[in-house]
Protein backbone atom coordinates (compact mmCIF):
# COMPACT_ATOMS: atom_id res chain seq x y z
CA MET A 1 -8.42 -19.85 -2.92
CA LYS A 2 -9.91 -16.36 -2.90
CA GLY A 3 -8.35 -12.97 -2.31
CA LEU A 4 -9.37 -10.18 0.05
CA ILE A 5 -8.09 -6.59 0.02
CA LEU A 6 -9.00 -4.17 2.81
CA CYS A 7 -9.51 -0.61 1.61
CA ALA A 8 -12.03 0.98 3.98
CA GLY A 9 -9.57 3.09 5.99
CA LYS A 10 -9.77 6.89 5.87
CA GLY A 11 -6.05 7.48 5.40
CA SER A 12 -6.13 10.38 7.87
CA ARG A 13 -2.33 10.52 8.15
CA LEU A 14 -2.22 11.39 4.44
CA TYR A 15 -4.64 14.31 4.66
CA PRO A 16 -5.28 16.48 2.66
CA PHE A 17 -4.44 14.12 -0.24
CA THR A 18 -6.96 11.52 0.95
CA LEU A 19 -9.78 13.84 2.03
CA ASN A 20 -11.67 13.21 -1.22
CA HIS A 21 -9.58 10.39 -2.64
CA PRO A 22 -9.30 6.82 -1.27
CA LYS A 23 -5.85 6.04 0.06
CA THR A 24 -5.71 2.82 -1.95
CA LEU A 25 -5.93 4.82 -5.18
CA ILE A 26 -2.92 7.03 -4.47
CA PRO A 27 -0.13 6.29 -6.95
CA VAL A 28 3.31 4.92 -6.20
CA ALA A 29 5.51 5.23 -9.29
CA ASN A 30 2.24 6.08 -11.08
CA THR A 31 0.56 2.80 -10.17
CA PRO A 32 -2.37 2.89 -7.69
CA ILE A 33 -1.66 0.83 -4.58
CA LEU A 34 -4.89 -1.15 -5.12
CA GLN A 35 -3.75 -2.16 -8.62
CA SER A 36 -0.47 -3.45 -7.17
CA CYS A 37 -2.44 -5.48 -4.59
CA ILE A 38 -4.66 -7.03 -7.27
CA GLU A 39 -1.59 -7.93 -9.35
CA LYS A 40 0.00 -9.55 -6.29
CA LEU A 41 -3.04 -11.83 -5.98
CA THR A 42 -3.24 -12.66 -9.69
CA GLU A 43 0.41 -13.79 -9.50
CA GLN A 44 -0.99 -16.66 -7.40
CA GLY A 45 -3.73 -17.49 -9.89
CA ILE A 46 -6.43 -15.86 -7.74
CA VAL A 47 -9.26 -14.33 -9.77
CA GLU A 48 -12.09 -14.03 -7.21
CA ILE A 49 -11.23 -10.95 -5.15
CA GLY A 50 -13.24 -9.20 -2.46
CA ILE A 51 -12.48 -5.54 -1.80
CA VAL A 52 -13.65 -4.16 1.53
CA ILE A 53 -14.54 -0.48 1.19
CA HIS A 54 -16.43 2.31 2.91
CA SER A 55 -19.54 3.21 0.90
CA SER A 56 -18.17 6.73 0.35
CA GLN A 57 -15.23 5.25 -1.62
CA GLU A 58 -17.29 3.12 -3.97
CA SER A 59 -17.81 5.48 -6.91
CA LEU A 60 -14.11 6.36 -7.31
CA ILE A 61 -12.87 2.79 -6.90
CA ARG A 62 -15.54 1.38 -9.24
CA GLU A 63 -14.75 4.10 -11.79
CA GLN A 64 -11.15 2.89 -11.95
CA PHE A 65 -11.54 -0.88 -11.46
CA GLY A 66 -15.19 -1.70 -12.23
CA LEU A 67 -15.88 -5.36 -11.54
CA GLY A 68 -12.33 -6.31 -12.50
CA GLU A 69 -12.85 -6.91 -16.20
CA SER A 70 -9.79 -4.90 -17.30
CA MET A 71 -7.51 -6.91 -14.99
CA GLY A 72 -8.98 -10.35 -15.71
CA VAL A 73 -10.46 -10.78 -12.22
CA ILE A 74 -13.92 -10.83 -10.65
CA ILE A 75 -14.29 -8.15 -7.98
CA THR A 76 -16.92 -8.26 -5.25
CA TYR A 77 -17.33 -5.09 -3.19
CA ILE A 78 -17.90 -5.58 0.53
CA TYR A 79 -18.80 -2.77 2.93
CA GLN A 80 -17.32 -1.74 6.27
CA ASN A 81 -18.91 1.57 7.16
CA GLU A 82 -17.45 1.83 10.66
CA ALA A 83 -13.67 1.85 11.23
CA ARG A 84 -13.58 -1.00 13.75
CA GLY A 85 -10.30 -2.67 12.81
CA VAL A 86 -8.89 -5.29 10.47
CA SER A 87 -10.60 -8.24 12.15
CA ASP A 88 -13.95 -6.51 11.80
CA ALA A 89 -13.25 -5.91 8.10
CA VAL A 90 -12.46 -9.62 7.69
CA LYS A 91 -15.71 -10.45 9.49
CA GLN A 92 -17.68 -8.47 6.88
CA ALA A 93 -16.25 -10.75 4.19
CA GLN A 94 -17.34 -14.04 5.74
CA ALA A 95 -20.21 -14.59 3.31
CA PHE A 96 -17.93 -13.89 0.34
CA ILE A 97 -15.15 -16.22 1.52
CA GLY A 98 -17.40 -19.05 2.72
CA GLN A 99 -15.37 -22.15 3.61
CA GLU A 100 -12.44 -21.37 1.32
CA ALA A 101 -8.92 -20.39 2.24
CA PHE A 102 -7.90 -16.88 1.25
CA LEU A 103 -5.00 -14.45 0.92
CA LEU A 104 -5.50 -11.16 2.75
CA LEU A 105 -3.76 -7.91 1.78
CA LEU A 106 -4.02 -4.53 3.45
CA GLY A 107 -4.81 -2.02 0.74
CA ASP A 108 -2.25 0.56 1.89
CA ASN A 109 0.69 -1.87 1.78
CA LEU A 110 3.08 -2.63 -1.06
CA ILE A 111 4.44 -6.17 -0.81
CA SER A 112 7.50 -7.07 -2.89
CA ASP A 113 7.70 -10.76 -2.00
CA ARG A 114 5.67 -13.33 -3.85
CA LEU A 115 2.95 -14.88 -1.69
CA THR A 116 3.55 -18.46 -2.84
CA GLU A 117 4.83 -19.76 0.50
CA LEU A 118 1.94 -18.25 2.45
CA LYS A 119 -0.53 -19.80 0.05
CA MET A 120 1.13 -23.24 0.23
CA ASP A 121 1.24 -23.14 4.04
CA VAL A 122 -2.54 -22.95 4.23
CA GLU A 123 -3.52 -24.93 1.13
CA GLU A 124 -1.01 -27.78 1.39
CA ARG A 125 0.83 -27.76 4.74
CA GLY A 126 -2.04 -27.62 7.22
CA SER A 127 -1.51 -24.16 8.66
CA GLN A 128 -4.54 -22.20 9.81
CA ALA A 129 -2.68 -18.95 9.19
CA SER A 130 0.60 -17.86 7.62
CA LEU A 131 2.15 -14.42 8.05
CA LEU A 132 4.80 -12.37 6.31
CA LEU A 133 7.25 -10.78 8.76
CA ALA A 134 10.15 -8.35 8.42
CA GLU A 135 12.51 -6.52 10.74
CA VAL A 136 11.62 -2.83 10.98
CA ALA A 137 13.32 0.23 12.44
CA LYS A 138 10.24 1.47 14.34
CA PRO A 139 8.45 -1.60 15.74
CA GLN A 140 6.15 0.59 17.86
CA GLU A 141 4.24 1.39 14.66
CA TYR A 142 3.41 -2.23 13.75
CA GLY A 143 1.96 -5.46 15.01
CA ILE A 144 4.99 -7.30 16.44
CA ALA A 145 5.67 -11.04 16.58
CA GLU A 146 7.59 -12.82 19.33
CA VAL A 147 9.13 -16.02 17.97
CA TRP A 148 10.60 -18.97 19.86
CA ASP A 149 11.96 -22.15 18.24
CA ASN A 150 10.63 -21.05 14.84
CA ARG A 151 7.17 -20.65 16.31
CA ILE A 152 5.11 -17.50 16.85
CA VAL A 153 4.21 -17.45 20.52
CA LYS A 154 2.85 -13.94 20.89
CA LEU A 155 1.56 -11.07 18.78
CA GLU A 156 1.08 -7.53 20.02
CA GLU A 157 -0.37 -4.57 18.15
CA LYS A 158 1.77 -1.39 18.25
CA PRO A 159 3.48 -2.18 21.58
CA ARG A 160 5.05 0.67 23.55
CA SER A 161 7.98 -1.55 24.52
CA PRO A 162 8.35 -4.13 21.73
CA LEU A 163 10.25 -7.31 22.56
CA THR A 164 11.39 -7.80 18.95
CA LYS A 165 11.62 -5.86 15.70
CA LEU A 166 9.76 -8.53 13.71
CA ALA A 167 6.75 -6.73 12.27
CA VAL A 168 3.65 -8.32 10.80
CA LEU A 169 3.39 -6.99 7.27
CA GLY A 170 0.13 -6.50 5.40
CA ALA A 171 0.04 -9.98 3.81
CA TYR A 172 -1.57 -13.09 5.30
CA ALA A 173 -3.00 -16.44 4.27
CA PHE A 174 -5.91 -17.84 6.28
CA HIS A 175 -7.97 -20.99 6.58
CA SER A 176 -11.66 -20.25 7.10
CA SER A 177 -11.15 -20.99 10.81
CA ILE A 178 -10.07 -17.35 11.14
CA PHE A 179 -13.77 -16.44 11.17
CA GLU A 180 -14.26 -18.27 14.47
CA ALA A 181 -11.34 -16.23 15.80
CA VAL A 182 -12.57 -12.82 14.60
CA ASN A 183 -16.00 -13.57 16.04
CA SER A 184 -14.49 -14.53 19.42
CA ILE A 185 -12.21 -11.58 20.23
CA VAL A 186 -13.10 -8.32 21.96
CA PRO A 187 -12.00 -4.79 21.03
CA SER A 188 -8.49 -3.75 21.99
CA ALA A 189 -7.62 -0.81 24.25
CA ARG A 190 -7.82 1.47 21.20
CA GLY A 191 -11.35 0.26 20.44
CA GLU A 192 -10.56 -1.88 17.39
CA TYR A 193 -10.86 -5.57 16.58
CA GLU A 194 -7.20 -6.34 15.87
CA ILE A 195 -6.10 -9.01 13.41
CA THR A 196 -3.16 -9.72 15.73
CA ASP A 197 -5.66 -10.63 18.47
CA ALA A 198 -7.49 -12.98 16.10
CA ILE A 199 -4.24 -14.72 15.14
CA GLN A 200 -3.28 -14.91 18.83
CA TRP A 201 -6.63 -16.63 19.41
CA LEU A 202 -5.57 -19.31 16.90
CA ILE A 203 -2.21 -19.69 18.65
CA ASP A 204 -3.85 -19.93 22.09
CA HIS A 205 -6.14 -22.68 20.76
CA ASN A 206 -3.11 -24.67 19.53
CA LEU A 207 -3.92 -24.18 15.88
CA PRO A 208 -0.84 -24.08 13.63
CA VAL A 209 0.31 -20.58 12.64
CA THR A 210 3.40 -20.26 10.45
CA TYR A 211 5.44 -17.34 9.16
CA HIS A 212 8.08 -16.28 6.65
CA VAL A 213 10.62 -13.50 7.12
CA THR A 214 11.42 -11.30 4.14
CA GLU A 215 14.27 -8.88 3.54
CA LYS A 216 12.68 -7.34 0.47
CA HIS A 217 11.15 -3.85 0.35
CA ASN A 218 7.65 -3.90 1.79
CA MET A 219 6.00 -0.60 2.54
CA ASP A 220 3.05 0.55 4.62
CA VAL A 221 2.20 3.70 2.65
CA GLY A 222 0.60 5.38 5.65
CA THR A 223 2.52 8.65 5.99
CA MET A 224 4.04 11.25 3.66
CA GLU A 225 7.54 10.04 4.51
CA ARG A 226 6.66 6.41 3.74
CA TRP A 227 4.87 7.41 0.54
CA LEU A 228 8.01 9.15 -0.76
CA GLU A 229 10.14 6.20 0.38
CA ALA A 230 7.85 3.70 -1.36
CA ASN A 231 7.99 5.82 -4.51
CA ARG A 232 11.80 5.74 -4.45
CA ASN A 233 11.83 1.98 -3.95
CA MET A 234 9.37 1.34 -6.79
CA LEU A 235 11.26 3.63 -9.16
CA ASP A 236 14.51 1.89 -8.26
CA GLU A 237 12.98 -1.44 -9.26
CA GLY A 238 12.23 0.12 -12.65
CA SER A 239 10.81 -1.63 -15.67
CA GLY A 240 13.30 -4.21 -16.87
CA SER A 241 16.66 -2.54 -17.49
CA SER A 242 15.15 0.94 -17.85
CA LYS A 243 14.51 3.26 -14.95
CA VAL A 244 13.07 6.00 -17.13
CA MET A 245 9.39 5.26 -17.64
CA ILE A 246 7.82 7.94 -19.83
CA HIS A 247 4.50 7.46 -21.62
CA GLN A 248 4.81 7.69 -25.39
CA ASN A 249 2.53 10.73 -25.70
CA VAL A 250 4.43 12.85 -23.14
CA ILE A 251 5.87 16.06 -24.60
CA LEU A 252 9.37 16.99 -23.43
CA ASP A 253 10.78 20.32 -24.58
CA ASN A 254 14.35 21.16 -23.54
CA CYS A 255 14.26 18.92 -20.47
CA ILE A 256 16.94 17.02 -18.55
CA ILE A 257 15.78 13.65 -17.16
CA VAL A 258 17.78 12.04 -14.33
CA GLU A 259 16.73 8.46 -13.67
CA PRO A 260 14.79 6.95 -12.09
CA VAL A 261 11.60 8.77 -13.05
CA SER A 262 8.05 7.95 -14.14
CA ILE A 263 5.98 10.37 -16.23
CA ASP A 264 2.43 9.34 -17.07
CA ARG A 265 0.34 10.06 -20.17
CA ASN A 266 -0.79 13.49 -21.37
CA CYS A 267 1.95 15.41 -19.56
CA VAL A 268 3.81 18.40 -21.02
CA LEU A 269 7.19 19.47 -19.65
CA LYS A 270 9.26 22.43 -20.82
CA ASP A 271 12.65 23.75 -19.63
CA CYS A 272 12.76 21.35 -16.68
CA LYS A 273 15.21 19.15 -14.82
CA ILE A 274 13.34 16.11 -13.53
CA GLY A 275 14.82 13.53 -11.17
CA PRO A 276 16.06 11.52 -9.62
CA TYR A 277 13.09 9.86 -7.90
CA VAL A 278 10.23 11.80 -9.42
CA SER A 279 6.77 10.52 -10.41
CA ILE A 280 4.47 12.79 -12.42
CA SER A 281 0.88 11.66 -12.86
CA THR A 282 -1.39 12.04 -15.85
CA GLY A 283 -2.33 15.39 -17.34
CA SER A 284 0.28 17.53 -15.57
CA HIS A 285 1.97 20.58 -17.13
CA ILE A 286 5.34 21.65 -15.74
CA GLU A 287 7.51 24.52 -16.98
CA ASN A 288 10.83 25.93 -15.79
CA CYS A 289 11.12 23.71 -12.70
CA GLU A 290 13.67 21.41 -11.06
CA LEU A 291 12.17 18.45 -9.20
CA GLU A 292 13.92 15.83 -7.07
CA ASN A 293 12.36 13.12 -4.89
CA CYS A 294 8.84 14.38 -5.62
CA ILE A 295 5.41 12.94 -6.31
CA ILE A 296 3.27 15.09 -8.60
CA LEU A 297 -0.35 13.95 -8.69
CA SER A 298 -2.67 14.24 -11.69
CA GLY A 299 -3.73 17.49 -13.30
CA VAL A 300 -1.00 19.63 -11.67
CA HIS A 301 0.28 22.86 -13.25
CA LEU A 302 3.69 24.06 -12.04
CA LYS A 303 5.49 27.05 -13.57
CA HIS A 304 8.58 29.09 -12.73
CA ILE A 305 9.48 27.50 -9.39
CA ALA A 306 12.67 29.21 -8.17
CA HIS A 307 15.29 26.74 -6.86
CA SER A 308 14.92 22.98 -6.81
CA LEU A 309 11.76 21.46 -5.35
CA LYS A 310 12.72 18.44 -3.23
CA ASP A 311 11.04 15.87 -0.97
CA THR A 312 7.61 17.18 -1.88
CA ILE A 313 4.16 15.85 -2.81
CA ILE A 314 1.95 18.14 -4.92
CA GLY A 315 -1.78 17.41 -4.68
CA TYR A 316 -4.36 16.72 -7.36
CA ARG A 317 -5.07 19.60 -9.79
CA SER A 318 -2.84 22.04 -7.89
CA VAL A 319 -1.79 25.21 -9.73
CA ILE A 320 1.45 26.82 -8.54
CA ALA A 321 3.31 29.58 -10.38
CA GLY A 322 6.16 31.86 -9.42
CA LEU A 323 6.89 30.08 -6.13
CA ARG A 324 10.19 30.92 -4.44
CA VAL A 325 11.45 28.02 -2.37
CA MET A 326 13.34 29.42 0.61
CA GLU A 327 16.80 27.95 1.10
CA GLU A 328 17.94 27.03 4.58
CA VAL A 329 20.53 29.47 5.95
CA LYS A 330 23.03 27.92 8.33
CA ASP A 331 25.27 29.81 10.71
CA ASN A 332 28.98 29.39 10.06
């Protein structure tokens, strides 16, 4: 079985952070989303991984992941230079996948569940596709599954009036028959080749499609709010029994650390209160600041921020000094 990760999206809802930086490289608890996706596939013994990218993303992704040597995998880069939907991205990978089954991950999703059951459905149980589903609060933002008698009968992408709250998460297992499906569908009303339409094609042709419902944290890191939420969830999971993850070469001078936090290498902090739920990326210098529920990207310099900075993402190589954060004034 091979693996496929789709990373060609622009990440426009995360502008300006993704204007010059691929969305799949943004960190959650100081781990790039793409790295988490690769690790999720290697858990299943998958070492041949295709990554679908836009050509403009190649240099930054290759700089960080190369051909997979550092992670013990073999990466093949596949190009999708027009944003024409998930099914179109899968279509671009047909030559790489060949006749094999494969696990598909969306590169802006963090999946907590192991993918063992999906893999077994397709490799051992005769399914042509297997999906991971979860109940969500805002089903209008997802592909939604309608299930009867433990069978998926209908899938609909971002419905205005969803019939259920069962969302299709960004993890799938497919038999190679999915390529007949993605080559048979037409663009949706929003002009994209939807993966939900391709799976519906399988269902309509009486090919077995199975699913598993998870209650674990699974995040589509597509907006600022979801990015902060994913960061909180990842920090809560921690590393073993510790929820304070600080690189050994970080310098802390007169600082209070409130778990959970993650502080990456080459950071210097002085006279700060950090946490809870703060990630600080590599090479950042922070002095005389209080941070709570924040993501600080790499190379940031913060100094003398009046009042606590909360629910905030600070972009790459930002320099901010002497900022006064206005407090909300409420009428009595």
